[in-house]
Amino acid sequence: MNAPIGIIAVIVAAKYIPNYRLSKGIKLDWIGFASVVIGTSALLVAFSVAHSWGWASWETLGMLAAGILILTYFIRRTLRVSNPLLNLSVLKISRFTYGLILNCCITISLYAAALLIPVFMQTVKGESSLTTGLIMLPGTLAMTLVSLAAGKLYGKVGPARLILVGLVLMGIATWELSHANAATSALFITVWLIIRYNRYRLQQYAGNECGNVSCAKRKLRPCLCSNELDQAGVVGAVN
């Protein structure tokens, strides 16, 4: 079902998004790219199949060791080359670092719910995959609408209030969903998922914008580093 949507998105992007480059003549660090892909893949494989291999098995330990060693090499290379794949120097900016930590935490909470709610709906309540998807769909749509308003809210109230409101909404929604059982209605779960998804967009936008603005003032390019550490939140949720 995602394939047609993806194809449409590619066609629309190619037609309407201008081909604009911020800089020219920058070469990709292919060695760094390969090392980060291989290193993270090794760790993902280790964490994904450790339950069947066994945590003390030589396969799991070997994958973990290989992943750690390769990523260590990647970090050391990143600090040496003139055009690194990730600009780790942005981590020296405290405001940017705090924003990344916040985004990792809220991303873990988002994807943890995205993984656990379908399991709950299908195993505890006995719902079909289609029904489960329809229950989760309104939250995603609402999050898209909130994304459009997040920028204006950020300019009016600032990042601190957006993050605080998001934390309050997350706490309330998580508390309510933690009491769900086989008798809980689909409407109850849908409403609290909408609230939970919306608080994510508020927090994520505030955290990203706050950190990126601090980097822009120093003429740094934080986007790759920000995206990479956002994925760390996803990995943490999946594992």
Protein backbone atom coordinates (compact mmCIF):
# COMPACT_ATOMS: atom_id res chain seq x y z
CA MET A 1 0.00 0.00 0.00
CA ASN A 2 2.93 2.35 0.65
CA ALA A 3 4.45 1.78 -2.80
CA PRO A 4 1.91 3.85 -4.80
CA ILE A 5 2.13 6.69 -2.27
CA GLY A 6 5.92 6.62 -2.49
CA ILE A 7 5.85 6.68 -6.28
CA ILE A 8 3.45 9.64 -6.29
CA ALA A 9 5.67 11.47 -3.78
CA VAL A 10 8.75 10.96 -5.98
CA ILE A 11 6.94 12.26 -9.07
CA VAL A 12 5.53 15.31 -7.29
CA ALA A 13 8.90 16.10 -5.67
CA ALA A 14 10.74 15.83 -8.98
CA LYS A 15 8.23 18.16 -10.64
CA TYR A 16 7.68 20.85 -8.01
CA ILE A 17 10.74 20.94 -5.74
CA PRO A 18 13.47 23.14 -7.28
CA ASN A 19 16.92 21.69 -7.83
CA TYR A 20 18.84 24.01 -5.53
CA ARG A 21 22.25 23.32 -4.02
CA LEU A 22 23.56 25.14 -0.98
CA SER A 23 27.17 24.42 -1.92
CA LYS A 24 29.19 22.97 -4.76
CA GLY A 25 32.34 20.97 -5.06
CA ILE A 26 31.88 19.03 -1.81
CA LYS A 27 32.88 15.39 -2.08
CA LEU A 28 31.15 12.66 -0.14
CA ASP A 29 33.31 10.79 2.35
CA TRP A 30 32.64 7.34 0.92
CA ILE A 31 34.89 5.57 3.43
CA GLY A 32 33.07 7.23 6.30
CA PHE A 33 29.72 6.45 4.69
CA ALA A 34 30.60 2.77 4.27
CA SER A 35 31.93 2.47 7.82
CA VAL A 36 28.83 3.98 9.43
CA VAL A 37 26.51 1.79 7.33
CA ILE A 38 28.44 -1.39 8.13
CA GLY A 39 28.88 -0.50 11.80
CA THR A 40 25.23 0.34 12.46
CA SER A 41 24.09 -2.69 10.43
CA ALA A 42 26.24 -4.98 12.56
CA LEU A 43 24.74 -3.57 15.76
CA LEU A 44 21.20 -3.82 14.39
CA VAL A 45 21.71 -7.45 13.39
CA ALA A 46 23.16 -8.26 16.82
CA PHE A 47 20.27 -6.68 18.73
CA SER A 48 17.66 -8.11 16.35
CA VAL A 49 18.69 -11.77 16.50
CA ALA A 50 20.33 -11.92 19.93
CA HIS A 51 17.22 -13.59 21.34
CA SER A 52 17.71 -16.55 18.98
CA TRP A 53 21.50 -16.61 18.89
CA GLY A 54 21.88 -15.97 22.61
CA TRP A 55 23.50 -12.91 24.14
CA ALA A 56 26.61 -14.88 25.12
CA SER A 57 27.03 -16.59 21.75
CA TRP A 58 30.11 -15.80 19.70
CA GLU A 59 27.93 -14.62 16.80
CA THR A 60 26.21 -11.95 18.91
CA LEU A 61 29.39 -10.88 20.68
CA GLY A 62 31.25 -10.81 17.37
CA MET A 63 28.61 -8.61 15.73
CA LEU A 64 28.57 -6.25 18.71
CA ALA A 65 32.36 -6.01 18.79
CA ALA A 66 32.57 -5.45 15.03
CA GLY A 67 29.90 -2.75 15.13
CA ILE A 68 31.53 -0.91 18.02
CA LEU A 69 35.01 -1.07 16.46
CA ILE A 70 33.82 0.11 13.04
CA LEU A 71 31.80 2.98 14.53
CA THR A 72 34.78 3.96 16.68
CA TYR A 73 36.86 4.14 13.50
CA PHE A 74 34.12 6.22 11.87
CA ILE A 75 34.11 8.72 14.75
CA ARG A 76 37.89 9.06 14.73
CA ARG A 77 37.89 9.52 10.96
CA THR A 78 35.13 12.12 11.21
CA LEU A 79 37.26 14.18 13.59
CA ARG A 80 40.25 14.07 11.21
CA VAL A 81 38.97 14.62 7.67
CA SER A 82 38.32 18.09 6.27
CA ASN A 83 34.84 17.28 4.94
CA PRO A 84 33.32 14.73 7.35
CA LEU A 85 30.07 12.90 6.74
CA LEU A 86 28.85 14.12 10.14
CA ASN A 87 29.97 17.41 11.64
CA LEU A 88 30.48 16.21 15.22
CA SER A 89 31.85 19.59 16.24
CA VAL A 90 28.25 20.78 16.61
CA LEU A 91 28.03 18.64 19.75
CA LYS A 92 30.21 21.25 21.46
CA ILE A 93 27.23 23.60 21.28
CA SER A 94 25.30 22.81 24.43
CA ARG A 95 21.95 24.04 23.12
CA PHE A 96 22.23 21.84 20.05
CA THR A 97 23.28 18.83 22.12
CA TYR A 98 20.36 19.24 24.52
CA GLY A 99 18.02 19.46 21.54
CA LEU A 100 19.39 16.21 20.12
CA ILE A 101 19.01 14.42 23.44
CA LEU A 102 15.44 15.66 23.70
CA ASN A 103 14.64 14.53 20.15
CA CYS A 104 16.13 11.09 20.76
CA CYS A 105 13.97 10.65 23.86
CA ILE A 106 10.74 11.79 22.24
CA THR A 107 11.44 9.73 19.11
CA ILE A 108 11.90 6.63 21.26
CA SER A 109 8.57 7.32 22.95
CA LEU A 110 6.84 7.87 19.60
CA TYR A 111 8.04 4.71 17.90
CA ALA A 112 7.71 2.61 21.03
CA ALA A 113 3.99 3.40 21.01
CA ALA A 114 3.82 2.84 17.24
CA LEU A 115 5.18 -0.68 17.81
CA LEU A 116 3.31 -1.56 21.01
CA ILE A 117 -0.18 -0.30 20.13
CA PRO A 118 -0.57 -2.62 17.08
CA VAL A 119 0.61 -5.57 19.17
CA PHE A 120 -1.92 -4.67 21.87
CA MET A 121 -4.76 -4.19 19.39
CA GLN A 122 -4.17 -7.47 17.57
CA THR A 123 -3.19 -9.78 20.43
CA VAL A 124 -5.22 -8.42 23.36
CA LYS A 125 -8.27 -6.99 21.60
CA GLY A 126 -8.17 -9.38 18.64
CA GLU A 127 -8.53 -6.66 16.01
CA SER A 128 -7.45 -7.12 12.41
CA SER A 129 -4.46 -5.36 10.86
CA LEU A 130 -6.79 -3.12 8.84
CA THR A 131 -8.76 -2.04 11.92
CA THR A 132 -5.54 -1.38 13.80
CA GLY A 133 -4.24 0.78 10.97
CA LEU A 134 -7.48 2.76 10.83
CA ILE A 135 -7.32 3.38 14.58
CA MET A 136 -3.80 4.77 14.27
CA LEU A 137 -4.46 6.78 11.08
CA PRO A 138 -6.21 9.82 12.68
CA GLY A 139 -3.20 10.44 14.92
CA THR A 140 -0.89 10.57 11.93
CA LEU A 141 -3.20 12.90 10.02
CA ALA A 142 -3.57 15.18 13.03
CA MET A 143 0.21 15.25 13.44
CA THR A 144 0.51 16.47 9.85
CA LEU A 145 -1.88 19.35 10.55
CA VAL A 146 -0.07 20.28 13.76
CA SER A 147 3.19 20.39 11.78
CA LEU A 148 1.76 23.26 9.75
CA ALA A 149 1.00 25.26 12.89
CA ALA A 150 4.14 24.36 14.85
CA GLY A 151 6.25 26.99 13.11
CA LYS A 152 3.88 29.82 13.98
CA LEU A 153 3.55 28.61 17.56
CA TYR A 154 7.33 28.42 17.87
CA GLY A 155 7.66 32.05 16.81
CA LYS A 156 4.98 33.22 19.25
CA VAL A 157 5.68 31.25 22.45
CA GLY A 158 9.26 29.98 21.98
CA PRO A 159 10.72 26.48 22.36
CA ALA A 160 10.50 26.14 26.14
CA ARG A 161 6.71 26.42 26.30
CA LEU A 162 6.20 24.11 23.34
CA ILE A 163 8.40 21.48 24.91
CA LEU A 164 6.69 21.87 28.29
CA VAL A 165 3.22 21.52 26.76
CA GLY A 166 4.41 18.48 24.85
CA LEU A 167 5.75 16.84 28.01
CA VAL A 168 2.47 17.41 29.84
CA LEU A 169 0.44 15.97 26.96
CA MET A 170 2.77 12.99 26.68
CA GLY A 171 2.48 12.25 30.39
CA ILE A 172 -1.32 12.42 30.39
CA ALA A 173 -1.73 10.40 27.18
CA THR A 174 0.76 7.74 28.26
CA TRP A 175 -0.94 7.43 31.64
CA GLU A 176 -4.35 6.95 30.04
CA LEU A 177 -3.10 4.44 27.45
CA SER A 178 -1.33 2.44 30.16
CA HIS A 179 -4.77 1.58 31.59
CA ALA A 180 -6.08 0.15 28.31
CA ASN A 181 -7.38 -3.43 28.41
CA ALA A 182 -9.46 -5.81 26.31
CA ALA A 183 -12.63 -3.86 27.11
CA THR A 184 -11.18 -0.48 26.11
CA SER A 185 -12.97 1.12 23.18
CA ALA A 186 -11.24 1.93 19.91
CA LEU A 187 -12.35 5.56 20.24
CA PHE A 188 -10.53 5.88 23.57
CA ILE A 189 -7.27 4.64 22.07
CA THR A 190 -7.67 6.78 18.94
CA VAL A 191 -8.23 10.00 20.90
CA TRP A 192 -5.24 9.52 23.17
CA LEU A 193 -3.04 8.51 20.24
CA ILE A 194 -3.99 11.77 18.51
CA ILE A 195 -2.95 13.72 21.60
CA ARG A 196 0.25 11.72 21.93
CA TYR A 197 1.23 12.19 18.28
CA ASN A 198 0.52 15.91 18.37
CA ARG A 199 2.75 16.49 21.39
CA TYR A 200 5.56 14.72 19.48
CA ARG A 201 5.35 17.16 16.61
CA LEU A 202 5.41 20.15 18.95
CA GLN A 203 8.43 18.86 20.86
CA GLN A 204 10.28 17.63 17.80
CA TYR A 205 9.91 20.91 15.95
CA ALA A 206 10.93 22.95 18.98
CA GLY A 207 13.97 20.77 19.67
CA ASN A 208 15.14 20.77 16.06
CA GLU A 209 14.62 24.47 15.47
CA CYS A 210 16.26 25.46 18.75
CA GLY A 211 19.38 23.42 17.99
CA ASN A 212 19.61 24.33 14.32
CA VAL A 213 19.32 28.06 15.01
CA SER A 214 22.24 27.87 17.44
CA CYS A 215 24.31 26.13 14.75
CA ALA A 216 23.29 28.58 12.05
CA LYS A 217 24.70 31.43 14.13
CA ARG A 218 28.09 29.72 13.94
CA LYS A 219 27.72 28.92 10.23
CA LEU A 220 27.75 25.16 10.83
CA ARG A 221 25.79 22.49 8.97
CA PRO A 222 24.02 20.38 11.59
CA CYS A 223 21.44 18.65 9.40
CA LEU A 224 23.26 15.36 8.82
CA CYS A 225 24.23 15.04 12.46
CA SER A 226 20.70 15.88 13.56
CA ASN A 227 19.16 13.31 11.23
CA GLU A 228 21.63 10.63 12.26
CA LEU A 229 20.91 11.07 15.95
CA ASP A 230 17.18 11.16 15.25
CA GLN A 231 17.60 7.69 13.78
CA ALA A 232 19.25 6.63 17.02
CA GLY A 233 15.92 7.25 18.68
CA VAL A 234 14.22 4.98 16.17
CA VAL A 235 16.83 2.26 16.73
CA GLY A 236 16.32 2.51 20.47
CA ALA A 237 12.57 2.17 20.11
CA VAL A 238 12.82 -0.83 17.79
CA ASN A 239 15.30 -2.64 20.00
